[in-house]
Amino acid sequence: MPSYTRTLLRRTLQLLEKLYRERDLSGGQIQRIAVKPQWNAIIGTGGRCGLALNFTGIHDLYEDSRWVEETLRPLVGRDLFQVAREGLDSPGMADACLGIAALSALSQPFLSPASLAERGIHSGGDIEVLADIVREDDRVCVVGYGGIIRPLLGKVQELRVTEMRPKEAFQTLIVGEETEYGPQAVAVHPEEDNRAVLTSSDVNIITASSLINDTFDELLRSSAGARLIGVYGPSVTFVPDVLLEEGIDFVFSFWIQDTERFAFDAVNDVDLEVALKRNQHQHILSRTNPPELRVKPRKSP
């Protein structure tokens, strides 16, 4: 039986097929696939570009996340819809990564603020808007230690992070009169604490990499009692309509507005995520203006 996550992603692909038919657009083909630490990027025809986390580099957590030329070359020239469909139908994580990257590439014509507004989706500001969404008395949990925590520091009653990686991947050694360790403004928990932390938080913000390694279902179930649920990260750079329909309150995502720059950065920049934040359009997507988000009934995965 397909996971709830894969069902959501397949429904997103079906929505894209509908949008392409309505506008008589071509999905395009893959021209190049760029594999670098952390990310797989797809560069396609017609400005179709997308990416997804590949669990290498600092996220090297799985043995089946290795990439070899022989498995990727046959995809060059393939139809993006076919690659997305096959990737999302496959149980393998590596295939899911390529499927979501293709989904991201296909989504780009429909991620502009104007296109989103036509479908009733509000495109807010960048990551700093998070400071306006949360309340001072909120207990906030972020799944996955990343830059998303910056606007939350000092803004909430309690900020907790759950993380799969070992603490050495993000810990700071502080040498002064005494030896200390950071972070100090954030309580960091191992992934084993996901359920306990998520069920006791008011706002849960989930990394989009959970869509790839199929942990999203469990994280969403554990978040059922939260006031707000968000999803963040470059791996959710696809049309958010289905996620918003299914109880996600906001999605922090990107619109790859400058596709030529994206293709250049995918090949040349040492850190594709930093390049994405610097050179592409960041926005928080929701059904209402983010500061006015309201509690609503949630569907269980």
C-alpha atoms as a PDB file:
ATOM      1  CA  MET A   1       0.000   0.000   0.000  1.00  0.00           C
ATOM      2  CA  PRO A   2       1.507   3.387  -0.957  1.00  0.00           C
ATOM      3  CA  SER A   3       2.428   5.693   1.892  1.00  0.00           C
ATOM      4  CA  TYR A   4       0.385   8.790   2.625  1.00  0.00           C
ATOM      5  CA  THR A   5       3.389  10.849   1.524  1.00  0.00           C
ATOM      6  CA  ARG A   6       3.567   9.187  -1.886  1.00  0.00           C
ATOM      7  CA  THR A   7      -0.197   9.633  -2.274  1.00  0.00           C
ATOM      8  CA  LEU A   8       0.168  13.379  -1.682  1.00  0.00           C
ATOM      9  CA  LEU A   9       3.022  13.588  -4.163  1.00  0.00           C
ATOM     10  CA  ARG A  10       1.129  11.622  -6.824  1.00  0.00           C
ATOM     11  CA  ARG A  11      -1.885  13.903  -6.364  1.00  0.00           C
ATOM     12  CA  THR A  12       0.461  16.862  -6.835  1.00  0.00           C
ATOM     13  CA  LEU A  13       1.679  15.320 -10.084  1.00  0.00           C
ATOM     14  CA  GLN A  14      -1.930  14.805 -11.210  1.00  0.00           C
ATOM     15  CA  LEU A  15      -2.642  18.471 -10.465  1.00  0.00           C
ATOM     16  CA  LEU A  16       0.337  19.471 -12.592  1.00  0.00           C
ATOM     17  CA  GLU A  17      -0.876  17.279 -15.448  1.00  0.00           C
ATOM     18  CA  LYS A  18      -4.216  19.090 -15.251  1.00  0.00           C
ATOM     19  CA  LEU A  19      -2.584  22.541 -15.178  1.00  0.00           C
ATOM     20  CA  TYR A  20      -0.410  21.685 -18.174  1.00  0.00           C
ATOM     21  CA  ARG A  21      -3.442  20.454 -20.160  1.00  0.00           C
ATOM     22  CA  GLU A  22      -5.464  23.538 -19.318  1.00  0.00           C
ATOM     23  CA  ARG A  23      -2.692  25.837 -20.525  1.00  0.00           C
ATOM     24  CA  ASP A  24      -1.623  23.603 -23.413  1.00  0.00           C
ATOM     25  CA  LEU A  25       1.981  23.532 -22.158  1.00  0.00           C
ATOM     26  CA  SER A  26       4.713  21.004 -22.822  1.00  0.00           C
ATOM     27  CA  GLY A  27       6.360  19.390 -19.813  1.00  0.00           C
ATOM     28  CA  GLY A  28       9.782  19.314 -21.426  1.00  0.00           C
ATOM     29  CA  GLN A  29      12.693  16.897 -21.186  1.00  0.00           C
ATOM     30  CA  ILE A  30      15.737  16.501 -18.979  1.00  0.00           C
ATOM     31  CA  GLN A  31      18.857  18.121 -20.415  1.00  0.00           C
ATOM     32  CA  ARG A  32      21.253  17.601 -17.513  1.00  0.00           C
ATOM     33  CA  ILE A  33      21.271  16.207 -13.990  1.00  0.00           C
ATOM     34  CA  ALA A  34      23.689  17.836 -11.569  1.00  0.00           C
ATOM     35  CA  VAL A  35      24.643  15.755  -8.528  1.00  0.00           C
ATOM     36  CA  LYS A  36      26.484  17.527  -5.726  1.00  0.00           C
ATOM     37  CA  PRO A  37      26.782  17.162  -1.960  1.00  0.00           C
ATOM     38  CA  GLN A  38      23.244  17.329  -0.512  1.00  0.00           C
ATOM     39  CA  TRP A  39      21.377  18.020  -3.748  1.00  0.00           C
ATOM     40  CA  ASN A  40      20.262  16.565  -7.056  1.00  0.00           C
ATOM     41  CA  ALA A  41      19.325  19.269  -9.555  1.00  0.00           C
ATOM     42  CA  ILE A  42      17.446  18.719 -12.796  1.00  0.00           C
ATOM     43  CA  ILE A  43      17.972  21.154 -15.658  1.00  0.00           C
ATOM     44  CA  GLY A  44      15.325  20.708 -18.321  1.00  0.00           C
ATOM     45  CA  THR A  45      14.096  22.251 -21.531  1.00  0.00           C
ATOM     46  CA  GLY A  46      11.833  25.297 -21.468  1.00  0.00           C
ATOM     47  CA  GLY A  47      13.351  26.591 -18.254  1.00  0.00           C
ATOM     48  CA  ARG A  48      12.135  23.630 -16.235  1.00  0.00           C
ATOM     49  CA  CYS A  49      14.569  23.362 -13.313  1.00  0.00           C
ATOM     50  CA  GLY A  50      14.152  21.603  -9.993  1.00  0.00           C
ATOM     51  CA  LEU A  51      15.987  20.006  -7.087  1.00  0.00           C
ATOM     52  CA  ALA A  52      15.679  17.658  -4.126  1.00  0.00           C
ATOM     53  CA  LEU A  53      17.846  16.557  -1.220  1.00  0.00           C
ATOM     54  CA  ASN A  54      19.868  13.438  -2.051  1.00  0.00           C
ATOM     55  CA  PHE A  55      21.126  12.539   1.455  1.00  0.00           C
ATOM     56  CA  THR A  56      24.808  12.957   0.670  1.00  0.00           C
ATOM     57  CA  GLY A  57      27.324  15.458   2.047  1.00  0.00           C
ATOM     58  CA  ILE A  58      26.357  16.571   5.548  1.00  0.00           C
ATOM     59  CA  HIS A  59      23.168  14.529   5.191  1.00  0.00           C
ATOM     60  CA  ASP A  60      24.935  11.257   4.373  1.00  0.00           C
ATOM     61  CA  LEU A  61      22.722   8.956   6.422  1.00  0.00           C
ATOM     62  CA  TYR A  62      21.759   6.116   4.099  1.00  0.00           C
ATOM     63  CA  GLU A  63      23.763   3.559   2.157  1.00  0.00           C
ATOM     64  CA  ASP A  64      21.413   3.661  -0.848  1.00  0.00           C
ATOM     65  CA  SER A  65      21.936   7.389  -1.462  1.00  0.00           C
ATOM     66  CA  ARG A  66      25.007   6.950  -3.683  1.00  0.00           C
ATOM     67  CA  TRP A  67      24.768   8.140  -7.262  1.00  0.00           C
ATOM     68  CA  VAL A  68      26.573   6.753 -10.276  1.00  0.00           C
ATOM     69  CA  GLU A  69      26.706   8.021 -13.830  1.00  0.00           C
ATOM     70  CA  GLU A  70      25.329   4.796 -15.299  1.00  0.00           C
ATOM     71  CA  THR A  71      22.002   5.158 -13.483  1.00  0.00           C
ATOM     72  CA  LEU A  72      21.527   8.801 -14.445  1.00  0.00           C
ATOM     73  CA  ARG A  73      22.604   8.900 -18.097  1.00  0.00           C
ATOM     74  CA  PRO A  74      19.533   7.000 -19.399  1.00  0.00           C
ATOM     75  CA  LEU A  75      17.355   9.761 -17.915  1.00  0.00           C
ATOM     76  CA  VAL A  76      18.860  12.472 -20.115  1.00  0.00           C
ATOM     77  CA  GLY A  77      16.345  13.311 -22.826  1.00  0.00           C
ATOM     78  CA  ARG A  78      13.482  11.659 -20.929  1.00  0.00           C
ATOM     79  CA  ASP A  79      10.121  13.364 -20.466  1.00  0.00           C
ATOM     80  CA  LEU A  80       9.910  15.105 -17.083  1.00  0.00           C
ATOM     81  CA  PHE A  81       6.427  13.778 -16.387  1.00  0.00           C
ATOM     82  CA  GLN A  82       7.613  10.212 -16.991  1.00  0.00           C
ATOM     83  CA  VAL A  83      10.610  10.638 -14.689  1.00  0.00           C
ATOM     84  CA  ALA A  84       8.419  12.178 -11.989  1.00  0.00           C
ATOM     85  CA  ARG A  85       5.835   9.394 -12.282  1.00  0.00           C
ATOM     86  CA  GLU A  86       8.369   6.577 -12.200  1.00  0.00           C
ATOM     87  CA  GLY A  87      10.268   8.135  -9.305  1.00  0.00           C
ATOM     88  CA  LEU A  88       7.152   8.586  -7.189  1.00  0.00           C
ATOM     89  CA  ASP A  89       5.923   5.060  -7.983  1.00  0.00           C
ATOM     90  CA  SER A  90       9.228   3.487  -6.952  1.00  0.00           C
ATOM     91  CA  PRO A  91       9.740   2.406  -3.323  1.00  0.00           C
ATOM     92  CA  GLY A  92      13.414   3.430  -3.479  1.00  0.00           C
ATOM     93  CA  MET A  93      14.582   6.643  -1.846  1.00  0.00           C
ATOM     94  CA  ALA A  94      17.028   7.477  -4.645  1.00  0.00           C
ATOM     95  CA  ASP A  95      14.210   7.213  -7.200  1.00  0.00           C
ATOM     96  CA  ALA A  96      11.967   9.348  -4.988  1.00  0.00           C
ATOM     97  CA  CYS A  97      14.656  12.037  -4.926  1.00  0.00           C
ATOM     98  CA  LEU A  98      14.680  12.193  -8.733  1.00  0.00           C
ATOM     99  CA  GLY A  99      10.881  12.065  -8.846  1.00  0.00           C
ATOM    100  CA  ILE A 100      10.567  15.044  -6.509  1.00  0.00           C
ATOM    101  CA  ALA A 101      13.273  16.962  -8.389  1.00  0.00           C
ATOM    102  CA  ALA A 102      11.264  16.398 -11.596  1.00  0.00           C
ATOM    103  CA  LEU A 103       8.100  17.472  -9.746  1.00  0.00           C
ATOM    104  CA  SER A 104       9.933  20.641  -8.727  1.00  0.00           C
ATOM    105  CA  ALA A 105      11.012  21.325 -12.315  1.00  0.00           C
ATOM    106  CA  LEU A 106       7.490  20.836 -13.648  1.00  0.00           C
ATOM    107  CA  SER A 107       6.062  23.155 -10.965  1.00  0.00           C
ATOM    108  CA  GLN A 108       8.042  26.261 -11.879  1.00  0.00           C
ATOM    109  CA  PRO A 109       5.510  27.802 -14.325  1.00  0.00           C
ATOM    110  CA  PHE A 110       2.914  27.678 -11.539  1.00  0.00           C
ATOM    111  CA  LEU A 111       4.922  29.057  -8.595  1.00  0.00           C
ATOM    112  CA  SER A 112       4.899  32.745  -9.502  1.00  0.00           C
ATOM    113  CA  PRO A 113       2.866  34.918  -7.076  1.00  0.00           C
ATOM    114  CA  ALA A 114       0.384  35.660  -9.864  1.00  0.00           C
ATOM    115  CA  SER A 115      -0.165  31.994 -10.720  1.00  0.00           C
ATOM    116  CA  LEU A 116      -0.492  31.053  -7.052  1.00  0.00           C
ATOM    117  CA  ALA A 117      -3.038  33.825  -6.481  1.00  0.00           C
ATOM    118  CA  GLU A 118      -5.181  32.441  -9.324  1.00  0.00           C
ATOM    119  CA  ARG A 119      -5.427  29.212  -7.329  1.00  0.00           C
ATOM    120  CA  GLY A 120      -6.226  30.977  -4.051  1.00  0.00           C
ATOM    121  CA  ILE A 121      -2.752  30.683  -2.542  1.00  0.00           C
ATOM    122  CA  HIS A 122      -1.140  33.627  -0.784  1.00  0.00           C
ATOM    123  CA  SER A 123       2.558  34.235  -1.433  1.00  0.00           C
ATOM    124  CA  GLY A 124       4.049  36.012   1.567  1.00  0.00           C
ATOM    125  CA  GLY A 125       7.520  37.284   2.316  1.00  0.00           C
ATOM    126  CA  ASP A 126      10.717  35.400   2.975  1.00  0.00           C
ATOM    127  CA  ILE A 127      11.738  33.367   5.992  1.00  0.00           C
ATOM    128  CA  GLU A 128      11.561  36.401   8.315  1.00  0.00           C
ATOM    129  CA  VAL A 129       7.750  36.230   8.133  1.00  0.00           C
ATOM    130  CA  LEU A 130       7.970  33.319  10.577  1.00  0.00           C
ATOM    131  CA  ALA A 131       8.534  35.824  13.365  1.00  0.00           C
ATOM    132  CA  ASP A 132       5.046  37.211  12.645  1.00  0.00           C
ATOM    133  CA  ILE A 133       3.367  33.807  12.527  1.00  0.00           C
ATOM    134  CA  VAL A 134       4.497  32.507  15.914  1.00  0.00           C
ATOM    135  CA  ARG A 135       3.434  33.821  19.326  1.00  0.00           C
ATOM    136  CA  GLU A 136       5.653  34.651  22.275  1.00  0.00           C
ATOM    137  CA  ASP A 137       4.109  31.846  24.338  1.00  0.00           C
ATOM    138  CA  ASP A 138       4.474  29.212  21.603  1.00  0.00           C
ATOM    139  CA  ARG A 139       6.480  26.043  22.001  1.00  0.00           C
ATOM    140  CA  VAL A 140       7.985  25.507  18.562  1.00  0.00           C
ATOM    141  CA  CYS A 141       9.526  22.334  17.184  1.00  0.00           C
ATOM    142  CA  VAL A 142      11.615  22.364  13.999  1.00  0.00           C
ATOM    143  CA  VAL A 143      12.345  18.967  12.478  1.00  0.00           C
ATOM    144  CA  GLY A 144      15.791  19.290  10.915  1.00  0.00           C
ATOM    145  CA  TYR A 145      18.430  21.757  12.069  1.00  0.00           C
ATOM    146  CA  GLY A 146      18.753  24.552   9.520  1.00  0.00           C
ATOM    147  CA  GLY A 147      18.493  28.244   8.771  1.00  0.00           C
ATOM    148  CA  ILE A 148      14.753  28.175   9.421  1.00  0.00           C
ATOM    149  CA  ILE A 149      15.476  28.622  13.144  1.00  0.00           C
ATOM    150  CA  ARG A 150      17.096  32.065  12.753  1.00  0.00           C
ATOM    151  CA  PRO A 151      13.923  34.192  12.754  1.00  0.00           C
ATOM    152  CA  LEU A 152      12.562  32.133  15.657  1.00  0.00           C
ATOM    153  CA  LEU A 153      15.461  32.699  18.066  1.00  0.00           C
ATOM    154  CA  GLY A 154      14.288  34.776  21.022  1.00  0.00           C
ATOM    155  CA  LYS A 155      10.740  35.029  19.619  1.00  0.00           C
ATOM    156  CA  VAL A 156       9.064  32.082  21.333  1.00  0.00           C
ATOM    157  CA  GLN A 157       8.757  30.540  24.767  1.00  0.00           C
ATOM    158  CA  GLU A 158      10.601  27.392  23.762  1.00  0.00           C
ATOM    159  CA  LEU A 159      12.444  26.402  20.588  1.00  0.00           C
ATOM    160  CA  ARG A 160      13.308  22.747  20.096  1.00  0.00           C
ATOM    161  CA  VAL A 161      14.906  20.954  17.161  1.00  0.00           C
ATOM    162  CA  THR A 162      14.872  17.250  16.374  1.00  0.00           C
ATOM    163  CA  GLU A 163      17.691  16.000  14.165  1.00  0.00           C
ATOM    164  CA  MET A 164      18.743  12.720  12.536  1.00  0.00           C
ATOM    165  CA  ARG A 165      22.373  13.724  12.151  1.00  0.00           C
ATOM    166  CA  PRO A 166      24.889  13.269  14.986  1.00  0.00           C
ATOM    167  CA  LYS A 167      25.389  16.377  17.078  1.00  0.00           C
ATOM    168  CA  GLU A 168      28.939  16.784  15.737  1.00  0.00           C
ATOM    169  CA  ALA A 169      27.404  17.845  12.418  1.00  0.00           C
ATOM    170  CA  PHE A 170      26.150  21.140  13.846  1.00  0.00           C
ATOM    171  CA  GLN A 171      27.594  21.521  17.347  1.00  0.00           C
ATOM    172  CA  THR A 172      29.776  24.529  18.225  1.00  0.00           C
ATOM    173  CA  LEU A 173      32.766  24.126  20.533  1.00  0.00           C
ATOM    174  CA  ILE A 174      33.155  27.275  22.662  1.00  0.00           C
ATOM    175  CA  VAL A 175      36.477  27.696  24.447  1.00  0.00           C
ATOM    176  CA  GLY A 176      36.724  30.429  27.070  1.00  0.00           C
ATOM    177  CA  GLU A 177      37.333  30.288  30.799  1.00  0.00           C
ATOM    178  CA  GLU A 178      35.341  27.103  30.560  1.00  0.00           C
ATOM    179  CA  THR A 179      34.568  24.770  27.680  1.00  0.00           C
ATOM    180  CA  GLU A 180      31.005  25.016  26.471  1.00  0.00           C
ATOM    181  CA  TYR A 181      28.964  23.747  23.556  1.00  0.00           C
ATOM    182  CA  GLY A 182      26.384  25.345  21.325  1.00  0.00           C
ATOM    183  CA  PRO A 183      23.714  25.812  20.250  1.00  0.00           C
ATOM    184  CA  GLN A 184      22.559  27.268  23.541  1.00  0.00           C
ATOM    185  CA  ALA A 185      19.326  29.021  22.572  1.00  0.00           C
ATOM    186  CA  VAL A 186      17.893  25.845  21.069  1.00  0.00           C
ATOM    187  CA  ALA A 187      17.183  22.487  22.707  1.00  0.00           C
ATOM    188  CA  VAL A 188      18.368  19.774  20.292  1.00  0.00           C
ATOM    189  CA  HIS A 189      16.830  16.307  20.451  1.00  0.00           C
ATOM    190  CA  PRO A 190      17.633  13.083  18.569  1.00  0.00           C
ATOM    191  CA  GLU A 191      15.102  11.714  16.084  1.00  0.00           C
ATOM    192  CA  GLU A 192      13.976   9.167  18.683  1.00  0.00           C
ATOM    193  CA  ASP A 193      12.317  12.099  20.484  1.00  0.00           C
ATOM    194  CA  ASN A 194      10.284  13.202  17.460  1.00  0.00           C
ATOM    195  CA  ARG A 195       6.927  12.053  18.750  1.00  0.00           C
ATOM    196  CA  ALA A 196       7.399  13.358  22.295  1.00  0.00           C
ATOM    197  CA  VAL A 197       8.550  16.792  21.124  1.00  0.00           C
ATOM    198  CA  LEU A 198       6.041  17.187  18.281  1.00  0.00           C
ATOM    199  CA  THR A 199       3.039  16.157  20.367  1.00  0.00           C
ATOM    200  CA  SER A 200       3.912  18.742  23.033  1.00  0.00           C
ATOM    201  CA  SER A 201       4.515  21.689  20.672  1.00  0.00           C
ATOM    202  CA  ASP A 202       2.182  24.448  19.475  1.00  0.00           C
ATOM    203  CA  VAL A 203       3.905  25.024  16.124  1.00  0.00           C
ATOM    204  CA  ASN A 204       5.669  22.257  14.206  1.00  0.00           C
ATOM    205  CA  ILE A 205       7.835  23.024  11.172  1.00  0.00           C
ATOM    206  CA  ILE A 206       8.884  19.890   9.276  1.00  0.00           C
ATOM    207  CA  THR A 207      11.813  19.520   6.912  1.00  0.00           C
ATOM    208  CA  ALA A 208      10.838  18.669   3.338  1.00  0.00           C
ATOM    209  CA  SER A 209      13.542  15.987   3.257  1.00  0.00           C
ATOM    210  CA  SER A 210      11.012  13.864   5.171  1.00  0.00           C
ATOM    211  CA  LEU A 211       9.053  13.642   1.900  1.00  0.00           C
ATOM    212  CA  ILE A 212      12.004  11.793   0.384  1.00  0.00           C
ATOM    213  CA  ASN A 213      12.917   9.344   3.155  1.00  0.00           C
ATOM    214  CA  ASP A 214       9.236   8.591   3.898  1.00  0.00           C
ATOM    215  CA  THR A 215       9.246   9.878   7.479  1.00  0.00           C
ATOM    216  CA  PHE A 216       6.680  12.604   6.694  1.00  0.00           C
ATOM    217  CA  ASP A 217       3.693  10.386   7.550  1.00  0.00           C
ATOM    218  CA  GLU A 218       4.843   9.764  11.105  1.00  0.00           C
ATOM    219  CA  LEU A 219       5.873  13.385  11.654  1.00  0.00           C
ATOM    220  CA  LEU A 220       2.493  14.625  10.457  1.00  0.00           C
ATOM    221  CA  ARG A 221       0.606  12.169  12.676  1.00  0.00           C
ATOM    222  CA  SER A 222       2.610  13.362  15.672  1.00  0.00           C
ATOM    223  CA  SER A 223       1.764  16.967  14.780  1.00  0.00           C
ATOM    224  CA  ALA A 224      -2.008  16.465  14.755  1.00  0.00           C
ATOM    225  CA  GLY A 225      -2.489  18.499  17.940  1.00  0.00           C
ATOM    226  CA  ALA A 226      -0.358  21.470  16.902  1.00  0.00           C
ATOM    227  CA  ARG A 227      -1.886  24.895  16.311  1.00  0.00           C
ATOM    228  CA  LEU A 228       0.136  25.318  13.122  1.00  0.00           C
ATOM    229  CA  ILE A 229       2.077  22.934  10.886  1.00  0.00           C
ATOM    230  CA  GLY A 230       4.592  24.091   8.294  1.00  0.00           C
ATOM    231  CA  VAL A 231       6.900  22.393   5.794  1.00  0.00           C
ATOM    232  CA  TYR A 232      10.165  23.987   4.725  1.00  0.00           C
ATOM    233  CA  GLY A 233      13.179  23.433   2.507  1.00  0.00           C
ATOM    234  CA  PRO A 234      14.223  23.322  -1.154  1.00  0.00           C
ATOM    235  CA  SER A 235      12.791  19.805  -1.526  1.00  0.00           C
ATOM    236  CA  VAL A 236       9.271  21.259  -1.292  1.00  0.00           C
ATOM    237  CA  THR A 237       9.856  23.576  -4.249  1.00  0.00           C
ATOM    238  CA  PHE A 238       6.764  22.292  -6.020  1.00  0.00           C
ATOM    239  CA  VAL A 239       3.147  23.456  -6.222  1.00  0.00           C
ATOM    240  CA  PRO A 240       1.836  23.433  -2.618  1.00  0.00           C
ATOM    241  CA  ASP A 241      -1.877  23.063  -3.369  1.00  0.00           C
ATOM    242  CA  VAL A 242      -2.283  19.458  -2.205  1.00  0.00           C
ATOM    243  CA  LEU A 243      -0.242  19.939   0.971  1.00  0.00           C
ATOM    244  CA  LEU A 244      -2.338  22.983   1.894  1.00  0.00           C
ATOM    245  CA  GLU A 245      -5.549  21.039   1.218  1.00  0.00           C
ATOM    246  CA  GLU A 246      -4.419  18.250   3.542  1.00  0.00           C
ATOM    247  CA  GLY A 247      -3.871  20.282   6.692  1.00  0.00           C
ATOM    248  CA  ILE A 248      -0.479  21.923   6.198  1.00  0.00           C
ATOM    249  CA  ASP A 249      -0.847  25.592   7.185  1.00  0.00           C
ATOM    250  CA  PHE A 250       2.165  27.050   5.420  1.00  0.00           C
ATOM    251  CA  VAL A 251       4.972  25.995   3.095  1.00  0.00           C
ATOM    252  CA  PHE A 252       8.291  27.810   2.951  1.00  0.00           C
ATOM    253  CA  SER A 253       9.474  27.290  -0.587  1.00  0.00           C
ATOM    254  CA  PHE A 254      11.207  28.779  -3.621  1.00  0.00           C
ATOM    255  CA  TRP A 255      10.266  29.874  -7.110  1.00  0.00           C
ATOM    256  CA  ILE A 256      13.195  29.357  -9.489  1.00  0.00           C
ATOM    257  CA  GLN A 257      12.615  32.636 -11.278  1.00  0.00           C
ATOM    258  CA  ASP A 258      16.063  32.869 -12.901  1.00  0.00           C
ATOM    259  CA  THR A 259      16.517  29.461 -14.503  1.00  0.00           C
ATOM    260  CA  GLU A 260      19.784  30.345 -16.226  1.00  0.00           C
ATOM    261  CA  ARG A 261      21.265  31.379 -12.898  1.00  0.00           C
ATOM    262  CA  PHE A 262      19.992  28.182 -11.282  1.00  0.00           C
ATOM    263  CA  ALA A 263      21.636  26.059 -13.985  1.00  0.00           C
ATOM    264  CA  PHE A 264      24.906  27.962 -13.491  1.00  0.00           C
ATOM    265  CA  ASP A 265      24.772  27.605  -9.698  1.00  0.00           C
ATOM    266  CA  ALA A 266      23.907  23.897  -9.865  1.00  0.00           C
ATOM    267  CA  VAL A 267      27.138  23.293 -11.745  1.00  0.00           C
ATOM    268  CA  ASN A 268      29.460  25.870 -10.171  1.00  0.00           C
ATOM    269  CA  ASP A 269      28.366  26.988  -6.696  1.00  0.00           C
ATOM    270  CA  VAL A 270      29.775  25.060  -3.742  1.00  0.00           C
ATOM    271  CA  ASP A 271      26.476  25.332  -1.813  1.00  0.00           C
ATOM    272  CA  LEU A 272      23.334  25.113  -3.927  1.00  0.00           C
ATOM    273  CA  GLU A 273      20.993  25.940  -1.035  1.00  0.00           C
ATOM    274  CA  VAL A 274      22.824  29.209  -0.283  1.00  0.00           C
ATOM    275  CA  ALA A 275      22.822  30.045  -4.002  1.00  0.00           C
ATOM    276  CA  LEU A 276      19.097  29.330  -4.151  1.00  0.00           C
ATOM    277  CA  LYS A 277      18.377  31.675  -1.241  1.00  0.00           C
ATOM    278  CA  ARG A 278      20.548  34.402  -2.732  1.00  0.00           C
ATOM    279  CA  ASN A 279      19.464  34.227  -6.365  1.00  0.00           C
ATOM    280  CA  GLN A 280      15.887  32.918  -6.424  1.00  0.00           C
ATOM    281  CA  HIS A 281      12.503  34.003  -5.059  1.00  0.00           C
ATOM    282  CA  GLN A 282      11.744  32.829  -1.515  1.00  0.00           C
ATOM    283  CA  HIS A 283       8.194  32.875  -0.193  1.00  0.00           C
ATOM    284  CA  ILE A 284       5.914  31.456   2.470  1.00  0.00           C
ATOM    285  CA  LEU A 285       2.776  30.001   0.893  1.00  0.00           C
ATOM    286  CA  SER A 286      -0.585  29.619   2.614  1.00  0.00           C
ATOM    287  CA  ARG A 287      -4.295  29.860   1.994  1.00  0.00           C
ATOM    288  CA  THR A 288      -4.427  33.120   3.970  1.00  0.00           C
ATOM    289  CA  ASN A 289      -2.026  35.901   4.845  1.00  0.00           C
ATOM    290  CA  PRO A 290       0.448  34.058   7.170  1.00  0.00           C
ATOM    291  CA  PRO A 291      -0.037  36.301  10.257  1.00  0.00           C
ATOM    292  CA  GLU A 292      -3.779  35.561  10.052  1.00  0.00           C
ATOM    293  CA  LEU A 293      -3.540  31.762   9.899  1.00  0.00           C
ATOM    294  CA  ARG A 294      -6.273  30.036  11.850  1.00  0.00           C
ATOM    295  CA  VAL A 295      -6.691  26.644  13.483  1.00  0.00           C
ATOM    296  CA  LYS A 296      -8.686  24.200  11.343  1.00  0.00           C
ATOM    297  CA  PRO A 297      -9.644  20.512  11.511  1.00  0.00           C
ATOM    298  CA  ARG A 298      -6.836  18.224  10.459  1.00  0.00           C
ATOM    299  CA  LYS A 299      -6.955  15.115   8.303  1.00  0.00           C
ATOM    300  CA  SER A 300      -5.021  12.159   9.625  1.00  0.00           C
ATOM    301  CA  PRO A 301      -2.570  10.419   7.253  1.00  0.00           C
END
